[in-house]
N, C-alpha and C. Protein backbone atom coordinates (compact mmCIF):
# COMPACT_ATOMS: atom_id res chain seq x y z
N VAL A 1 120.59 -34.06 -136.13
CA VAL A 1 121.49 -33.03 -135.61
C VAL A 1 122.49 -33.68 -134.65
N GLN A 2 123.74 -33.39 -134.86
CA GLN A 2 124.80 -33.87 -133.97
C GLN A 2 125.31 -32.71 -133.11
N PHE A 3 125.87 -33.07 -131.95
CA PHE A 3 126.32 -32.05 -131.01
C PHE A 3 127.79 -32.25 -130.66
N VAL A 4 128.50 -31.14 -130.47
CA VAL A 4 129.89 -31.16 -130.05
C VAL A 4 130.03 -30.31 -128.80
N GLU A 5 130.50 -30.96 -127.74
CA GLU A 5 130.67 -30.26 -126.46
C GLU A 5 132.10 -29.73 -126.32
N SER A 6 132.24 -28.61 -125.62
CA SER A 6 133.56 -28.05 -125.37
C SER A 6 133.51 -27.18 -124.11
N GLY A 7 134.69 -26.80 -123.64
CA GLY A 7 134.76 -25.88 -122.52
C GLY A 7 135.15 -26.51 -121.19
N GLY A 8 135.30 -27.82 -121.17
CA GLY A 8 135.69 -28.47 -119.93
C GLY A 8 137.13 -28.16 -119.55
N GLY A 9 137.51 -28.60 -118.37
CA GLY A 9 138.87 -28.38 -117.92
C GLY A 9 139.06 -28.77 -116.47
N LEU A 10 140.22 -28.41 -115.96
CA LEU A 10 140.56 -28.68 -114.55
C LEU A 10 140.43 -27.38 -113.76
N VAL A 11 139.59 -27.39 -112.76
CA VAL A 11 139.39 -26.21 -111.92
C VAL A 11 139.41 -26.62 -110.45
N GLN A 12 139.56 -25.63 -109.60
CA GLN A 12 139.54 -25.89 -108.16
C GLN A 12 138.11 -25.75 -107.64
N PRO A 13 137.83 -26.36 -106.51
CA PRO A 13 136.50 -26.20 -105.90
C PRO A 13 136.17 -24.72 -105.71
N GLY A 14 134.93 -24.38 -106.02
CA GLY A 14 134.49 -23.00 -105.89
C GLY A 14 134.62 -22.18 -107.16
N GLU A 15 135.36 -22.68 -108.12
CA GLU A 15 135.54 -21.94 -109.37
C GLU A 15 134.40 -22.21 -110.34
N SER A 16 134.49 -21.57 -111.52
CA SER A 16 133.42 -21.65 -112.50
C SER A 16 133.94 -22.13 -113.85
N LEU A 17 133.03 -22.68 -114.65
CA LEU A 17 133.30 -23.06 -116.03
C LEU A 17 132.08 -22.78 -116.87
N LEU A 18 132.30 -22.52 -118.15
CA LEU A 18 131.22 -22.36 -119.11
C LEU A 18 131.38 -23.42 -120.19
N LEU A 19 130.45 -24.35 -120.24
CA LEU A 19 130.45 -25.38 -121.26
C LEU A 19 129.61 -24.92 -122.45
N SER A 20 130.05 -25.31 -123.65
CA SER A 20 129.33 -24.98 -124.87
C SER A 20 128.94 -26.25 -125.59
N CYS A 21 127.82 -26.17 -126.28
CA CYS A 21 127.31 -27.28 -127.07
C CYS A 21 126.95 -26.73 -128.44
N ALA A 22 127.68 -27.14 -129.45
CA ALA A 22 127.44 -26.65 -130.81
C ALA A 22 126.71 -27.72 -131.61
N ALA A 23 125.63 -27.32 -132.26
CA ALA A 23 124.83 -28.24 -133.06
C ALA A 23 125.23 -28.17 -134.53
N SER A 24 125.09 -29.30 -135.23
CA SER A 24 125.44 -29.34 -136.65
C SER A 24 124.34 -28.76 -137.53
N GLY A 25 123.17 -28.52 -136.96
CA GLY A 25 122.06 -27.96 -137.71
C GLY A 25 121.17 -27.16 -136.79
N SER A 26 120.02 -26.81 -137.32
CA SER A 26 119.09 -26.00 -136.54
C SER A 26 118.55 -26.74 -135.33
N ILE A 27 118.48 -26.04 -134.20
CA ILE A 27 117.93 -26.63 -132.98
C ILE A 27 116.56 -26.03 -132.64
N ALA A 28 116.11 -25.10 -133.44
CA ALA A 28 114.87 -24.39 -133.12
C ALA A 28 113.67 -25.32 -133.00
N HIS A 29 113.71 -26.43 -133.75
CA HIS A 29 112.57 -27.34 -133.75
C HIS A 29 112.64 -28.37 -132.63
N ILE A 30 113.76 -28.45 -131.96
CA ILE A 30 113.95 -29.46 -130.93
C ILE A 30 113.23 -29.05 -129.65
N TYR A 31 112.36 -29.92 -129.17
CA TYR A 31 111.54 -29.55 -128.01
C TYR A 31 112.38 -29.36 -126.75
N SER A 32 113.24 -30.31 -126.44
CA SER A 32 114.01 -30.23 -125.20
C SER A 32 115.46 -30.63 -125.42
N LEU A 33 116.35 -29.75 -125.09
CA LEU A 33 117.79 -30.02 -125.14
C LEU A 33 118.30 -30.12 -123.71
N ALA A 34 119.19 -31.04 -123.48
CA ALA A 34 119.63 -31.28 -122.11
C ALA A 34 121.13 -31.44 -122.00
N TRP A 35 121.63 -31.15 -120.82
CA TRP A 35 123.00 -31.46 -120.43
C TRP A 35 122.96 -32.68 -119.51
N TYR A 36 123.90 -33.58 -119.74
CA TYR A 36 124.04 -34.79 -118.94
C TYR A 36 125.48 -34.87 -118.45
N ARG A 37 125.70 -35.72 -117.46
CA ARG A 37 127.06 -36.00 -117.05
C ARG A 37 127.20 -37.45 -116.62
N GLN A 38 128.42 -37.94 -116.78
CA GLN A 38 128.70 -39.34 -116.47
C GLN A 38 130.07 -39.46 -115.82
N THR A 39 130.10 -40.18 -114.70
CA THR A 39 131.36 -40.47 -114.03
C THR A 39 131.82 -41.86 -114.43
N PRO A 40 133.12 -42.16 -114.28
CA PRO A 40 133.61 -43.50 -114.64
C PRO A 40 132.85 -44.59 -113.90
N GLY A 41 132.32 -45.52 -114.62
CA GLY A 41 131.58 -46.61 -114.00
C GLY A 41 130.16 -46.25 -113.62
N GLY A 42 129.79 -45.00 -113.83
CA GLY A 42 128.45 -44.57 -113.46
C GLY A 42 127.53 -44.43 -114.67
N GLN A 43 126.28 -44.16 -114.39
CA GLN A 43 125.34 -43.95 -115.49
C GLN A 43 125.35 -42.49 -115.90
N ARG A 44 124.80 -42.25 -117.06
CA ARG A 44 124.71 -40.88 -117.56
C ARG A 44 123.45 -40.25 -116.98
N ASP A 45 123.59 -39.18 -116.23
CA ASP A 45 122.46 -38.53 -115.58
C ASP A 45 122.22 -37.15 -116.17
N ARG A 46 120.96 -36.80 -116.30
CA ARG A 46 120.60 -35.47 -116.78
C ARG A 46 120.77 -34.47 -115.65
N VAL A 47 121.40 -33.34 -115.92
CA VAL A 47 121.57 -32.31 -114.90
C VAL A 47 120.72 -31.08 -115.17
N ALA A 48 120.37 -30.85 -116.44
CA ALA A 48 119.56 -29.68 -116.76
C ALA A 48 118.96 -29.84 -118.15
N TYR A 49 117.79 -29.23 -118.35
CA TYR A 49 117.24 -29.18 -119.70
C TYR A 49 116.58 -27.83 -119.94
N ALA A 50 116.47 -27.50 -121.22
CA ALA A 50 115.80 -26.27 -121.64
C ALA A 50 114.88 -26.60 -122.80
N THR A 51 113.62 -26.21 -122.69
CA THR A 51 112.67 -26.52 -123.74
C THR A 51 112.59 -25.40 -124.77
N ARG A 52 111.99 -25.73 -125.87
CA ARG A 52 111.79 -24.76 -126.94
C ARG A 52 110.96 -23.58 -126.45
N GLY A 53 110.09 -23.83 -125.52
CA GLY A 53 109.23 -22.78 -125.01
C GLY A 53 109.83 -21.94 -123.89
N GLY A 54 111.05 -22.28 -123.48
CA GLY A 54 111.73 -21.47 -122.48
C GLY A 54 111.77 -22.06 -121.09
N ALA A 55 111.11 -23.19 -120.86
CA ALA A 55 111.16 -23.81 -119.54
C ALA A 55 112.54 -24.40 -119.29
N LYS A 56 112.94 -24.36 -118.03
CA LYS A 56 114.24 -24.92 -117.65
C LYS A 56 114.08 -25.76 -116.39
N MET A 57 114.89 -26.79 -116.30
CA MET A 57 114.87 -27.67 -115.14
C MET A 57 116.29 -28.01 -114.75
N TYR A 58 116.51 -28.14 -113.44
CA TYR A 58 117.83 -28.52 -112.93
C TYR A 58 117.68 -29.66 -111.93
N SER A 59 118.65 -30.55 -111.91
CA SER A 59 118.65 -31.58 -110.89
C SER A 59 118.95 -30.93 -109.54
N ASP A 60 118.55 -31.59 -108.49
CA ASP A 60 118.75 -31.04 -107.16
C ASP A 60 120.23 -30.80 -106.85
N SER A 61 121.08 -31.64 -107.42
CA SER A 61 122.50 -31.55 -107.12
C SER A 61 123.17 -30.30 -107.69
N VAL A 62 122.54 -29.69 -108.71
CA VAL A 62 123.17 -28.52 -109.35
C VAL A 62 122.31 -27.27 -109.25
N LYS A 63 121.10 -27.40 -108.75
CA LYS A 63 120.19 -26.28 -108.68
C LYS A 63 120.78 -25.12 -107.88
N GLY A 64 120.71 -23.93 -108.44
CA GLY A 64 121.28 -22.76 -107.78
C GLY A 64 122.73 -22.50 -108.13
N ARG A 65 123.38 -23.48 -108.76
CA ARG A 65 124.80 -23.32 -109.12
C ARG A 65 125.02 -23.34 -110.62
N PHE A 66 124.19 -24.08 -111.34
CA PHE A 66 124.33 -24.21 -112.79
C PHE A 66 123.22 -23.44 -113.48
N THR A 67 123.54 -22.90 -114.67
CA THR A 67 122.55 -22.19 -115.47
C THR A 67 122.62 -22.67 -116.90
N ILE A 68 121.51 -23.14 -117.43
CA ILE A 68 121.44 -23.60 -118.81
C ILE A 68 120.89 -22.48 -119.68
N THR A 69 121.52 -22.31 -120.83
CA THR A 69 121.09 -21.28 -121.78
C THR A 69 121.02 -21.91 -123.16
N ARG A 70 119.97 -21.58 -123.86
CA ARG A 70 119.77 -22.14 -125.19
C ARG A 70 119.67 -20.98 -126.17
N ASP A 71 120.49 -21.01 -127.22
CA ASP A 71 120.49 -19.96 -128.24
C ASP A 71 120.08 -20.58 -129.57
N ASN A 72 118.81 -20.52 -129.88
CA ASN A 72 118.31 -21.14 -131.12
C ASN A 72 118.86 -20.44 -132.36
N GLY A 73 119.13 -19.15 -132.26
CA GLY A 73 119.64 -18.42 -133.41
C GLY A 73 121.05 -18.85 -133.80
N GLU A 74 121.85 -19.18 -132.80
CA GLU A 74 123.23 -19.60 -133.06
C GLU A 74 123.37 -21.11 -133.06
N ASN A 75 122.27 -21.83 -132.82
CA ASN A 75 122.30 -23.30 -132.74
C ASN A 75 123.31 -23.78 -131.70
N LYS A 76 123.26 -23.13 -130.54
CA LYS A 76 124.17 -23.49 -129.47
C LYS A 76 123.43 -23.55 -128.13
N MET A 77 124.03 -24.26 -127.21
CA MET A 77 123.52 -24.32 -125.86
C MET A 77 124.72 -24.21 -124.92
N TYR A 78 124.47 -23.66 -123.74
CA TYR A 78 125.55 -23.45 -122.80
C TYR A 78 125.16 -23.97 -121.42
N LEU A 79 126.17 -24.27 -120.62
CA LEU A 79 125.95 -24.61 -119.23
C LEU A 79 126.97 -23.84 -118.41
N ARG A 80 126.49 -22.83 -117.71
CA ARG A 80 127.34 -22.06 -116.82
C ARG A 80 127.35 -22.79 -115.48
N MET A 81 128.55 -23.14 -115.01
CA MET A 81 128.69 -23.89 -113.77
C MET A 81 129.47 -23.05 -112.77
N ASP A 82 128.83 -22.66 -111.71
CA ASP A 82 129.45 -21.87 -110.65
C ASP A 82 129.57 -22.71 -109.37
N SER A 83 130.42 -22.24 -108.48
CA SER A 83 130.61 -22.92 -107.19
C SER A 83 130.82 -24.42 -107.36
N LEU A 84 131.72 -24.75 -108.25
CA LEU A 84 131.94 -26.16 -108.57
C LEU A 84 132.44 -26.95 -107.37
N LYS A 85 132.01 -28.18 -107.30
CA LYS A 85 132.38 -29.09 -106.22
C LYS A 85 133.09 -30.30 -106.82
N ARG A 86 133.81 -31.03 -105.97
CA ARG A 86 134.49 -32.24 -106.44
C ARG A 86 133.49 -33.22 -107.06
N ASP A 87 132.30 -33.27 -106.50
CA ASP A 87 131.28 -34.20 -107.01
C ASP A 87 130.79 -33.84 -108.41
N ASP A 88 131.14 -32.66 -108.90
CA ASP A 88 130.75 -32.28 -110.26
C ASP A 88 131.70 -32.84 -111.31
N THR A 89 132.77 -33.47 -110.86
CA THR A 89 133.72 -34.08 -111.78
C THR A 89 133.05 -35.17 -112.59
N ALA A 90 133.10 -35.03 -113.91
CA ALA A 90 132.43 -35.97 -114.81
C ALA A 90 132.71 -35.56 -116.25
N VAL A 91 132.30 -36.41 -117.18
CA VAL A 91 132.25 -36.02 -118.59
C VAL A 91 130.85 -35.49 -118.85
N TYR A 92 130.78 -34.31 -119.44
CA TYR A 92 129.51 -33.64 -119.68
C TYR A 92 129.13 -33.75 -121.16
N TYR A 93 127.86 -34.06 -121.40
CA TYR A 93 127.34 -34.23 -122.74
C TYR A 93 126.08 -33.38 -122.92
N CYS A 94 125.80 -33.04 -124.17
CA CYS A 94 124.52 -32.41 -124.49
C CYS A 94 123.81 -33.26 -125.54
N ASN A 95 122.50 -33.21 -125.53
CA ASN A 95 121.76 -34.01 -126.49
C ASN A 95 120.30 -33.59 -126.54
N ASP A 96 119.67 -33.96 -127.62
CA ASP A 96 118.22 -33.87 -127.77
C ASP A 96 117.64 -34.99 -126.90
N GLU A 97 116.76 -34.65 -125.98
CA GLU A 97 116.26 -35.66 -125.04
C GLU A 97 115.53 -36.80 -125.73
N VAL A 98 114.98 -36.54 -126.90
CA VAL A 98 114.27 -37.60 -127.63
C VAL A 98 115.21 -38.75 -127.97
N TYR A 99 116.47 -38.44 -128.19
CA TYR A 99 117.44 -39.45 -128.63
C TYR A 99 118.35 -39.92 -127.50
N ALA A 100 118.00 -39.65 -126.26
CA ALA A 100 118.86 -40.00 -125.13
C ALA A 100 119.13 -41.49 -125.03
N ASP A 101 118.22 -42.32 -125.54
CA ASP A 101 118.41 -43.78 -125.47
C ASP A 101 119.10 -44.34 -126.70
N ASP A 102 119.50 -43.49 -127.62
CA ASP A 102 120.18 -43.92 -128.84
C ASP A 102 121.68 -43.78 -128.64
N PRO A 103 122.41 -44.89 -128.51
CA PRO A 103 123.86 -44.80 -128.27
C PRO A 103 124.60 -44.03 -129.34
N GLY A 104 124.10 -44.07 -130.56
CA GLY A 104 124.77 -43.40 -131.67
C GLY A 104 124.56 -41.91 -131.70
N SER A 105 123.72 -41.39 -130.82
CA SER A 105 123.42 -39.97 -130.86
C SER A 105 124.34 -39.13 -130.00
N TRP A 106 125.20 -39.78 -129.24
CA TRP A 106 126.01 -39.05 -128.28
C TRP A 106 127.36 -38.62 -128.87
N GLY A 107 127.79 -37.42 -128.49
CA GLY A 107 129.11 -36.95 -128.87
C GLY A 107 130.17 -37.45 -127.91
N LYS A 108 131.35 -36.85 -128.02
CA LYS A 108 132.46 -37.29 -127.17
C LYS A 108 132.41 -36.69 -125.77
N GLY A 109 131.65 -35.63 -125.60
CA GLY A 109 131.57 -35.00 -124.29
C GLY A 109 132.78 -34.13 -124.01
N THR A 110 132.74 -33.46 -122.88
CA THR A 110 133.87 -32.64 -122.44
C THR A 110 134.12 -32.91 -120.96
N GLN A 111 135.39 -33.15 -120.63
CA GLN A 111 135.75 -33.56 -119.27
C GLN A 111 135.83 -32.34 -118.35
N VAL A 112 135.15 -32.44 -117.22
CA VAL A 112 135.25 -31.44 -116.16
C VAL A 112 135.84 -32.12 -114.94
N THR A 113 136.94 -31.58 -114.45
CA THR A 113 137.59 -32.12 -113.26
C THR A 113 137.72 -31.02 -112.23
N VAL A 114 137.16 -31.27 -111.05
CA VAL A 114 137.22 -30.30 -109.96
C VAL A 114 138.11 -30.88 -108.87
N SER A 115 139.26 -30.26 -108.67
CA SER A 115 140.24 -30.81 -107.74
C SER A 115 141.19 -29.73 -107.30
N LEU A 116 141.74 -29.92 -106.10
CA LEU A 116 142.74 -28.96 -105.61
C LEU A 116 144.04 -29.16 -106.35
């Protein structure tokens, strides 16, 4: 299954964005789907994941501001980002966590820029 991210853009601090992740096939069987982000020169860090069973996790940096939603019926995943900060500026990616170490499994991502 391949993923295509969309919904990024340029926003001001305090504003919101909704990122979408569209899968090329069924995601119902995938145990854990995650959102990651990467800044220029930085590593790709996981910010949130959602399991097949409904569990969700958020990194400390986004907890309380971001909400991950997984729609197995539509084969999509979303990341609602509220109260955005400059430090949230990054390229955001989604992926099956099992393939996180496979360079060929990553999509192009979607750029989020938070700036005045």
